[in-house]
Amino acid sequence: MTLNIAIAGAGGRMGRMLIQAVSDNPACSVSGALEHEASPLVGQDAGLLVGSEAVGVQVSADRSVAFSGAHVIIDFTLPAATLDNMQAARDAGAAVVLGT
């Protein structure tokens, strides 16, 4: 079974490192990438953020889109977004790793 992992804060330094680490692990898959709505990264492929090939997952500002199908959400956002991300992860039925 492949573990689907969504990254909240995908465009940040840690978010990009996590995208790379998940992409490099054959047992895992990047299933979603979340950024704030004003981010210029929204709409870009998450794999391209780390200089690798496209992974077929667009960075989204919509939590329900970014977290859909994820088994785990790794949150490296700002504290102000954490509670909303936690609720959206709960709604998606995903576990959460909090790095905020």
Protein backbone atom coordinates (compact mmCIF):
# COMPACT_ATOMS: atom_id res chain seq x y z
CA MET A 1 0.00 0.00 0.00
CA THR A 2 1.24 3.47 -0.86
CA LEU A 3 0.93 6.07 1.89
CA ASN A 4 -0.67 9.25 0.49
CA ILE A 5 0.82 12.33 2.11
CA ALA A 6 -0.32 15.93 1.73
CA ILE A 7 1.97 18.81 2.67
CA ALA A 8 0.53 22.00 4.19
CA GLY A 9 2.99 24.84 3.73
CA ALA A 10 4.33 23.20 0.57
CA GLY A 11 6.13 26.29 -0.71
CA GLY A 12 8.22 26.90 2.38
CA ARG A 13 11.71 25.59 3.04
CA MET A 14 10.49 22.62 5.09
CA GLY A 15 7.51 22.03 2.82
CA ARG A 16 9.82 21.68 -0.18
CA MET A 17 12.11 19.35 1.75
CA LEU A 18 9.09 17.22 2.67
CA ILE A 19 7.88 17.08 -0.94
CA GLN A 20 11.33 15.85 -1.95
CA ALA A 21 11.51 13.28 0.86
CA VAL A 22 8.03 11.92 0.11
CA SER A 23 8.76 11.82 -3.63
CA ASP A 24 12.01 9.92 -3.01
CA ASN A 25 10.29 7.22 -0.94
CA PRO A 26 8.71 4.49 -3.09
CA ALA A 27 6.29 3.61 -0.28
CA CYS A 28 4.86 7.16 -0.26
CA SER A 29 3.15 9.50 -2.66
CA VAL A 30 2.58 13.26 -2.61
CA SER A 31 -1.22 13.41 -2.76
CA GLY A 32 -1.69 17.11 -2.05
CA ALA A 33 0.08 20.39 -1.50
CA LEU A 34 -1.40 23.40 0.29
CA GLU A 35 -0.34 27.04 0.20
CA HIS A 36 -2.12 30.25 1.21
CA GLU A 37 -4.38 31.82 -1.40
CA ALA A 38 -2.03 34.73 -2.16
CA SER A 39 0.91 32.43 -2.93
CA PRO A 40 2.26 32.64 -6.48
CA LEU A 41 2.86 28.87 -6.23
CA VAL A 42 -0.85 28.00 -6.34
CA GLY A 43 -1.52 26.05 -9.52
CA GLN A 44 2.06 24.84 -9.99
CA ASP A 45 2.99 21.17 -9.86
CA ALA A 46 4.39 20.23 -6.44
CA GLY A 47 7.27 18.25 -7.95
CA LEU A 48 8.48 21.25 -9.89
CA LEU A 49 8.79 23.21 -6.61
CA VAL A 50 11.72 20.99 -5.68
CA GLY A 51 13.33 20.92 -9.10
CA SER A 52 12.28 17.39 -9.87
CA GLU A 53 9.83 16.01 -12.37
CA ALA A 54 6.12 16.73 -12.15
CA VAL A 55 4.21 14.56 -9.68
CA GLY A 56 0.78 15.43 -11.05
CA VAL A 57 -0.31 17.30 -7.93
CA GLN A 58 -1.06 21.00 -8.18
CA VAL A 59 -0.46 23.30 -5.23
CA SER A 60 -3.87 24.41 -4.00
CA ALA A 61 -5.18 27.06 -1.64
CA ASP A 62 -8.25 24.89 -0.93
CA ARG A 63 -7.77 22.55 2.02
CA SER A 64 -10.47 20.14 0.88
CA VAL A 65 -8.72 19.77 -2.50
CA ALA A 66 -5.19 19.54 -1.07
CA PHE A 67 -6.16 17.03 1.63
CA SER A 68 -8.50 14.84 -0.45
CA GLY A 69 -7.32 11.24 -0.47
CA ALA A 70 -4.49 11.84 1.99
CA HIS A 71 -3.76 9.31 4.71
CA VAL A 72 -1.46 11.80 6.46
CA ILE A 73 -1.20 15.59 6.46
CA ILE A 74 2.16 17.09 7.40
CA ASP A 75 1.59 20.69 8.51
CA PHE A 76 4.50 23.13 8.37
CA THR A 77 2.46 26.31 8.24
CA LEU A 78 2.06 29.28 10.57
CA PRO A 79 0.25 28.86 13.90
CA ALA A 80 -2.67 30.95 12.63
CA ALA A 81 -3.50 28.28 10.03
CA THR A 82 -2.97 25.23 12.23
CA LEU A 83 -6.46 24.90 13.71
CA ASP A 84 -8.15 25.21 10.31
CA ASN A 85 -5.72 22.66 8.86
CA MET A 86 -6.36 20.28 11.75
CA GLN A 87 -10.12 20.52 11.24
CA ALA A 88 -9.78 19.96 7.49
CA ALA A 89 -7.54 16.94 8.14
CA ARG A 90 -10.12 15.55 10.53
CA ASP A 91 -12.84 16.10 7.93
CA ALA A 92 -10.67 14.24 5.40
CA GLY A 93 -10.09 11.38 7.86
CA ALA A 94 -6.32 11.89 7.77
CA ALA A 95 -3.74 11.68 10.52
CA VAL A 96 -1.69 14.80 11.20
CA VAL A 97 2.00 15.42 11.80
CA LEU A 98 2.37 18.94 13.14
CA GLY A 99 5.64 20.77 12.61
CA THR A 100 4.38 24.28 13.27
